[in-house]
PDB file of N, CA and C in Angstrom:
ATOM      1  N   MET A   1     132.090 -31.853 -24.398  1.00  0.00           N
ATOM      2  CA  MET A   1     133.281 -32.675 -24.253  1.00  0.00           C
ATOM      3  C   MET A   1     134.488 -31.737 -24.140  1.00  0.00           C
ATOM      4  N   SER A   2     135.345 -31.995 -23.170  1.00  0.00           N
ATOM      5  CA  SER A   2     136.510 -31.132 -22.983  1.00  0.00           C
ATOM      6  C   SER A   2     137.655 -31.571 -23.887  1.00  0.00           C
ATOM      7  N   ASP A   3     138.684 -30.756 -23.924  1.00  0.00           N
ATOM      8  CA  ASP A   3     139.855 -31.072 -24.737  1.00  0.00           C
ATOM      9  C   ASP A   3     140.706 -32.157 -24.107  1.00  0.00           C
ATOM     10  N   CYS A   4     140.435 -32.499 -22.847  1.00  0.00           N
ATOM     11  CA  CYS A   4     141.296 -33.436 -22.133  1.00  0.00           C
ATOM     12  C   CYS A   4     140.443 -34.391 -21.296  1.00  0.00           C
ATOM     13  N   ASP A   5     139.747 -35.286 -21.939  1.00  0.00           N
ATOM     14  CA  ASP A   5     138.838 -36.191 -21.245  1.00  0.00           C
ATOM     15  C   ASP A   5     139.536 -37.276 -20.441  1.00  0.00           C
ATOM     16  N   THR A   6     140.769 -37.587 -20.748  1.00  0.00           N
ATOM     17  CA  THR A   6     141.465 -38.673 -20.065  1.00  0.00           C
ATOM     18  C   THR A   6     142.079 -38.245 -18.744  1.00  0.00           C
ATOM     19  N   GLY A   7     142.243 -36.949 -18.524  1.00  0.00           N
ATOM     20  CA  GLY A   7     142.906 -36.467 -17.319  1.00  0.00           C
ATOM     21  C   GLY A   7     144.395 -36.274 -17.519  1.00  0.00           C
ATOM     22  N   VAL A   8     144.944 -36.758 -18.622  1.00  0.00           N
ATOM     23  CA  VAL A   8     146.357 -36.576 -18.949  1.00  0.00           C
ATOM     24  C   VAL A   8     146.393 -35.906 -20.315  1.00  0.00           C
ATOM     25  N   CYS A   9     146.880 -34.676 -20.349  1.00  0.00           N
ATOM     26  CA  CYS A   9     146.882 -33.903 -21.589  1.00  0.00           C
ATOM     27  C   CYS A   9     148.308 -33.734 -22.116  1.00  0.00           C
ATOM     28  N   GLY A  10     148.419 -33.430 -23.376  1.00  0.00           N
ATOM     29  CA  GLY A  10     149.715 -33.337 -24.035  1.00  0.00           C
ATOM     30  C   GLY A  10     150.710 -32.412 -23.370  1.00  0.00           C
ATOM     31  N   GLY A  11     150.273 -31.299 -22.826  1.00  0.00           N
ATOM     32  CA  GLY A  11     151.177 -30.342 -22.199  1.00  0.00           C
ATOM     33  C   GLY A  11     151.429 -30.616 -20.733  1.00  0.00           C
ATOM     34  N   ASP A  12     150.742 -31.593 -20.162  1.00  0.00           N
ATOM     35  CA  ASP A  12     150.890 -31.907 -18.740  1.00  0.00           C
ATOM     36  C   ASP A  12     152.131 -32.746 -18.474  1.00  0.00           C
ATOM     37  N   VAL A  13     152.639 -32.628 -17.263  1.00  0.00           N
ATOM     38  CA  VAL A  13     153.714 -33.502 -16.810  1.00  0.00           C
ATOM     39  C   VAL A  13     153.114 -34.898 -16.630  1.00  0.00           C
ATOM     40  N   PRO A  14     153.814 -35.958 -17.054  1.00  0.00           N
ATOM     41  CA  PRO A  14     153.250 -37.298 -16.890  1.00  0.00           C
ATOM     42  C   PRO A  14     153.054 -37.632 -15.410  1.00  0.00           C
ATOM     43  N   PRO A  15     152.002 -38.368 -15.072  1.00  0.00           N
ATOM     44  CA  PRO A  15     151.730 -38.686 -13.672  1.00  0.00           C
ATOM     45  C   PRO A  15     152.747 -39.661 -13.080  1.00  0.00           C
ATOM     46  N   LEU A  16     153.414 -40.413 -13.943  1.00  0.00           N
ATOM     47  CA  LEU A  16     154.349 -41.442 -13.498  1.00  0.00           C
ATOM     48  C   LEU A  16     155.517 -41.485 -14.465  1.00  0.00           C
ATOM     49  N   ILE A  17     156.724 -41.471 -13.920  1.00  0.00           N
ATOM     50  CA  ILE A  17     157.919 -41.644 -14.739  1.00  0.00           C
ATOM     51  C   ILE A  17     158.638 -42.853 -14.166  1.00  0.00           C
ATOM     52  N   GLY A  18     158.683 -43.917 -14.960  1.00  0.00           N
ATOM     53  CA  GLY A  18     159.202 -45.179 -14.435  1.00  0.00           C
ATOM     54  C   GLY A  18     158.242 -45.652 -13.362  1.00  0.00           C
ATOM     55  N   GLN A  19     158.714 -45.766 -12.141  1.00  0.00           N
ATOM     56  CA  GLN A  19     157.863 -46.138 -11.010  1.00  0.00           C
ATOM     57  C   GLN A  19     157.646 -44.973 -10.047  1.00  0.00           C
ATOM     58  N   ILE A  20     158.162 -43.786 -10.396  1.00  0.00           N
ATOM     59  CA  ILE A  20     158.074 -42.615  -9.517  1.00  0.00           C
ATOM     60  C   ILE A  20     156.853 -41.772  -9.876  1.00  0.00           C
ATOM     61  N   LEU A  21     156.034 -41.481  -8.875  1.00  0.00           N
ATOM     62  CA  LEU A  21     154.903 -40.582  -9.062  1.00  0.00           C
ATOM     63  C   LEU A  21     155.451 -39.154  -9.144  1.00  0.00           C
ATOM     64  N   THR A  22     155.287 -38.536 -10.268  1.00  0.00           N
ATOM     65  CA  THR A  22     155.836 -37.209 -10.524  1.00  0.00           C
ATOM     66  C   THR A  22     155.398 -36.214  -9.451  1.00  0.00           C
ATOM     67  N   GLY A  23     156.377 -35.497  -8.912  1.00  0.00           N
ATOM     68  CA  GLY A  23     156.102 -34.452  -7.940  1.00  0.00           C
ATOM     69  C   GLY A  23     155.921 -34.922  -6.511  1.00  0.00           C
ATOM     70  N   THR A  24     156.045 -36.233  -6.280  1.00  0.00           N
ATOM     71  CA  THR A  24     155.829 -36.745  -4.926  1.00  0.00           C
ATOM     72  C   THR A  24     157.087 -37.305  -4.283  1.00  0.00           C
ATOM     73  N   GLY A  25     158.020 -37.776  -5.090  1.00  0.00           N
ATOM     74  CA  GLY A  25     159.206 -38.424  -4.551  1.00  0.00           C
ATOM     75  C   GLY A  25     158.951 -39.848  -4.090  1.00  0.00           C
ATOM     76  N   LEU A  26     157.753 -40.359  -4.342  1.00  0.00           N
ATOM     77  CA  LEU A  26     157.391 -41.719  -3.938  1.00  0.00           C
ATOM     78  C   LEU A  26     157.259 -42.623  -5.153  1.00  0.00           C
ATOM     79  N   THR A  27     157.609 -43.879  -4.959  1.00  0.00           N
ATOM     80  CA  THR A  27     157.311 -44.855  -5.995  1.00  0.00           C
ATOM     81  C   THR A  27     155.837 -45.230  -5.875  1.00  0.00           C
ATOM     82  N   LEU A  28     155.343 -45.871  -6.884  1.00  0.00           N
ATOM     83  CA  LEU A  28     153.970 -46.348  -6.865  1.00  0.00           C
ATOM     84  C   LEU A  28     153.765 -47.311  -5.692  1.00  0.00           C
ATOM     85  N   ALA A  29     154.718 -48.193  -5.465  1.00  0.00           N
ATOM     86  CA  ALA A  29     154.622 -49.156  -4.361  1.00  0.00           C
ATOM     87  C   ALA A  29     154.635 -48.462  -3.003  1.00  0.00           C
ATOM     88  N   GLN A  30     155.472 -47.455  -2.838  1.00  0.00           N
ATOM     89  CA  GLN A  30     155.531 -46.728  -1.568  1.00  0.00           C
ATOM     90  C   GLN A  30     154.214 -46.009  -1.287  1.00  0.00           C
ATOM     91  N   ALA A  31     153.656 -45.393  -2.309  1.00  0.00           N
ATOM     92  CA  ALA A  31     152.384 -44.696  -2.132  1.00  0.00           C
ATOM     93  C   ALA A  31     151.268 -45.683  -1.817  1.00  0.00           C
ATOM     94  N   ALA A  32     151.276 -46.841  -2.473  1.00  0.00           N
ATOM     95  CA  ALA A  32     150.255 -47.857  -2.198  1.00  0.00           C
ATOM     96  C   ALA A  32     150.366 -48.365  -0.766  1.00  0.00           C
ATOM     97  N   THR A  33     151.585 -48.551  -0.287  1.00  0.00           N
ATOM     98  CA  THR A  33     151.790 -48.999   1.094  1.00  0.00           C
ATOM     99  C   THR A  33     151.249 -47.967   2.067  1.00  0.00           C
ATOM    100  N   ARG A  34     151.513 -46.699   1.810  1.00  0.00           N
ATOM    101  CA  ARG A  34     150.977 -45.641   2.673  1.00  0.00           C
ATOM    102  C   ARG A  34     149.454 -45.637   2.651  1.00  0.00           C
ATOM    103  N   LEU A  35     148.884 -45.797   1.473  1.00  0.00           N
ATOM    104  CA  LEU A  35     147.432 -45.833   1.333  1.00  0.00           C
ATOM    105  C   LEU A  35     146.852 -46.992   2.134  1.00  0.00           C
ATOM    106  N   GLU A  36     147.468 -48.160   2.025  1.00  0.00           N
ATOM    107  CA  GLU A  36     146.995 -49.347   2.747  1.00  0.00           C
ATOM    108  C   GLU A  36     147.068 -49.162   4.254  1.00  0.00           C
ATOM    109  N   ARG A  37     148.046 -48.424   4.722  1.00  0.00           N
ATOM    110  CA  ARG A  37     148.214 -48.176   6.153  1.00  0.00           C
ATOM    111  C   ARG A  37     147.345 -47.022   6.657  1.00  0.00           C
ATOM    112  N   GLY A  38     146.692 -46.326   5.731  1.00  0.00           N
ATOM    113  CA  GLY A  38     145.874 -45.186   6.101  1.00  0.00           C
ATOM    114  C   GLY A  38     146.683 -43.940   6.389  1.00  0.00           C
ATOM    115  N   GLU A  39     147.939 -43.939   5.954  1.00  0.00           N
ATOM    116  CA  GLU A  39     148.812 -42.787   6.168  1.00  0.00           C
ATOM    117  C   GLU A  39     148.517 -41.692   5.145  1.00  0.00           C
ATOM    118  N   ALA A  40     148.914 -40.493   5.488  1.00  0.00           N
ATOM    119  CA  ALA A  40     148.742 -39.369   4.573  1.00  0.00           C
ATOM    120  C   ALA A  40     149.621 -39.542   3.345  1.00  0.00           C
ATOM    121  N   LEU A  41     149.068 -39.164   2.216  1.00  0.00           N
ATOM    122  CA  LEU A  41     149.824 -39.166   0.965  1.00  0.00           C
ATOM    123  C   LEU A  41     150.079 -37.729   0.564  1.00  0.00           C
ATOM    124  N   PRO A  42     151.199 -37.489  -0.123  1.00  0.00           N
ATOM    125  CA  PRO A  42     151.422 -36.131  -0.631  1.00  0.00           C
ATOM    126  C   PRO A  42     150.312 -35.793  -1.626  1.00  0.00           C
ATOM    127  N   ALA A  43     150.225 -34.558  -1.981  1.00  0.00           N
ATOM    128  CA  ALA A  43     149.187 -34.130  -2.927  1.00  0.00           C
ATOM    129  C   ALA A  43     149.328 -34.893  -4.232  1.00  0.00           C
ATOM    130  N   LEU A  44     148.368 -35.751  -4.498  1.00  0.00           N
ATOM    131  CA  LEU A  44     148.350 -36.514  -5.739  1.00  0.00           C
ATOM    132  C   LEU A  44     147.315 -35.911  -6.671  1.00  0.00           C
ATOM    133  N   THR A  45     147.588 -36.001  -7.950  1.00  0.00           N
ATOM    134  CA  THR A  45     146.571 -35.609  -8.915  1.00  0.00           C
ATOM    135  C   THR A  45     145.493 -36.700  -8.903  1.00  0.00           C
ATOM    136  N   PRO A  46     144.321 -36.415  -9.415  1.00  0.00           N
ATOM    137  CA  PRO A  46     143.295 -37.462  -9.488  1.00  0.00           C
ATOM    138  C   PRO A  46     143.768 -38.697 -10.258  1.00  0.00           C
ATOM    139  N   VAL A  47     144.521 -38.481 -11.316  1.00  0.00           N
ATOM    140  CA  VAL A  47     145.046 -39.605 -12.098  1.00  0.00           C
ATOM    141  C   VAL A  47     146.017 -40.422 -11.253  1.00  0.00           C
ATOM    142  N   GLN A  48     146.928 -39.759 -10.542  1.00  0.00           N
ATOM    143  CA  GLN A  48     147.876 -40.476  -9.688  1.00  0.00           C
ATOM    144  C   GLN A  48     147.147 -41.242  -8.594  1.00  0.00           C
ATOM    145  N   ARG A  49     146.139 -40.633  -7.999  1.00  0.00           N
ATOM    146  CA  ARG A  49     145.371 -41.287  -6.942  1.00  0.00           C
ATOM    147  C   ARG A  49     144.751 -42.580  -7.458  1.00  0.00           C
ATOM    148  N   ARG A  50     144.143 -42.526  -8.650  1.00  0.00           N
ATOM    149  CA  ARG A  50     143.562 -43.734  -9.247  1.00  0.00           C
ATOM    150  C   ARG A  50     144.624 -44.783  -9.508  1.00  0.00           C
ATOM    151  N   MET A  51     145.786 -44.360  -9.972  1.00  0.00           N
ATOM    152  CA  MET A  51     146.878 -45.307 -10.234  1.00  0.00           C
ATOM    153  C   MET A  51     147.305 -46.006  -8.947  1.00  0.00           C
ATOM    154  N   VAL A  52     147.446 -45.244  -7.877  1.00  0.00           N
ATOM    155  CA  VAL A  52     147.859 -45.808  -6.589  1.00  0.00           C
ATOM    156  C   VAL A  52     146.793 -46.771  -6.076  1.00  0.00           C
ATOM    157  N   GLU A  53     145.534 -46.380  -6.161  1.00  0.00           N
ATOM    158  CA  GLU A  53     144.449 -47.243  -5.700  1.00  0.00           C
ATOM    159  C   GLU A  53     144.399 -48.542  -6.496  1.00  0.00           C
ATOM    160  N   GLU A  54     144.533 -48.446  -7.811  1.00  0.00           N
ATOM    161  CA  GLU A  54     144.518 -49.642  -8.656  1.00  0.00           C
ATOM    162  C   GLU A  54     145.718 -50.536  -8.364  1.00  0.00           C
ATOM    163  N   TYR A  55     146.877 -49.938  -8.143  1.00  0.00           N
ATOM    164  CA  TYR A  55     148.069 -50.701  -7.814  1.00  0.00           C
ATOM    165  C   TYR A  55     147.885 -51.433  -6.489  1.00  0.00           C
ATOM    166  N   ALA A  56     147.346 -50.736  -5.495  1.00  0.00           N
ATOM    167  CA  ALA A  56     147.108 -51.359  -4.184  1.00  0.00           C
ATOM    168  C   ALA A  56     146.122 -52.521  -4.323  1.00  0.00           C
ATOM    169  N   LEU A  57     145.066 -52.335  -5.092  1.00  0.00           N
ATOM    170  CA  LEU A  57     144.097 -53.412  -5.299  1.00  0.00           C
ATOM    171  C   LEU A  57     144.719 -54.600  -6.016  1.00  0.00           C
ATOM    172  N   SER A  58     145.589 -54.342  -6.962  1.00  0.00           N
ATOM    173  CA  SER A  58     146.221 -55.452  -7.686  1.00  0.00           C
ATOM    174  C   SER A  58     147.126 -56.262  -6.774  1.00  0.00           C
ATOM    175  N   ARG A  59     147.724 -55.602  -5.781  1.00  0.00           N
ATOM    176  CA  ARG A  59     148.569 -56.338  -4.818  1.00  0.00           C
ATOM    177  C   ARG A  59     147.703 -57.214  -3.928  1.00  0.00           C
ATOM    178  N   VAL A  60     146.536 -56.734  -3.540  1.00  0.00           N
ATOM    179  CA  VAL A  60     145.631 -57.516  -2.705  1.00  0.00           C
ATOM    180  C   VAL A  60     145.110 -58.705  -3.500  1.00  0.00           C
ATOM    181  N   ASP A  61     144.747 -58.476  -4.754  1.00  0.00           N
ATOM    182  CA  ASP A  61     144.243 -59.554  -5.611  1.00  0.00           C
ATOM    183  C   ASP A  61     145.286 -60.626  -5.857  1.00  0.00           C
ATOM    184  N   ALA A  62     146.558 -60.264  -5.812  1.00  0.00           N
ATOM    185  CA  ALA A  62     147.646 -61.213  -6.072  1.00  0.00           C
ATOM    186  C   ALA A  62     147.892 -62.152  -4.891  1.00  0.00           C
ATOM    187  N   LEU A  63     147.374 -61.793  -3.723  1.00  0.00           N
ATOM    188  CA  LEU A  63     147.595 -62.631  -2.531  1.00  0.00           C
ATOM    189  C   LEU A  63     146.798 -63.885  -2.562  1.00  0.00           C
TER     190      LEU A  63
END
């Protein structure tokens, strides 16, 4: 078992601050829209990628 099983560790920069994906300049909604359109996304961490995918799925489920 590693010291950081969740993918977010105490010394790491948070993957999301408010609605902004840290280090990308995109909001969660903007990144989800790009993902839905098949557009390139800036380098996302695995945690950020999962967040964007889950957010996009929740928007589809809400329709």
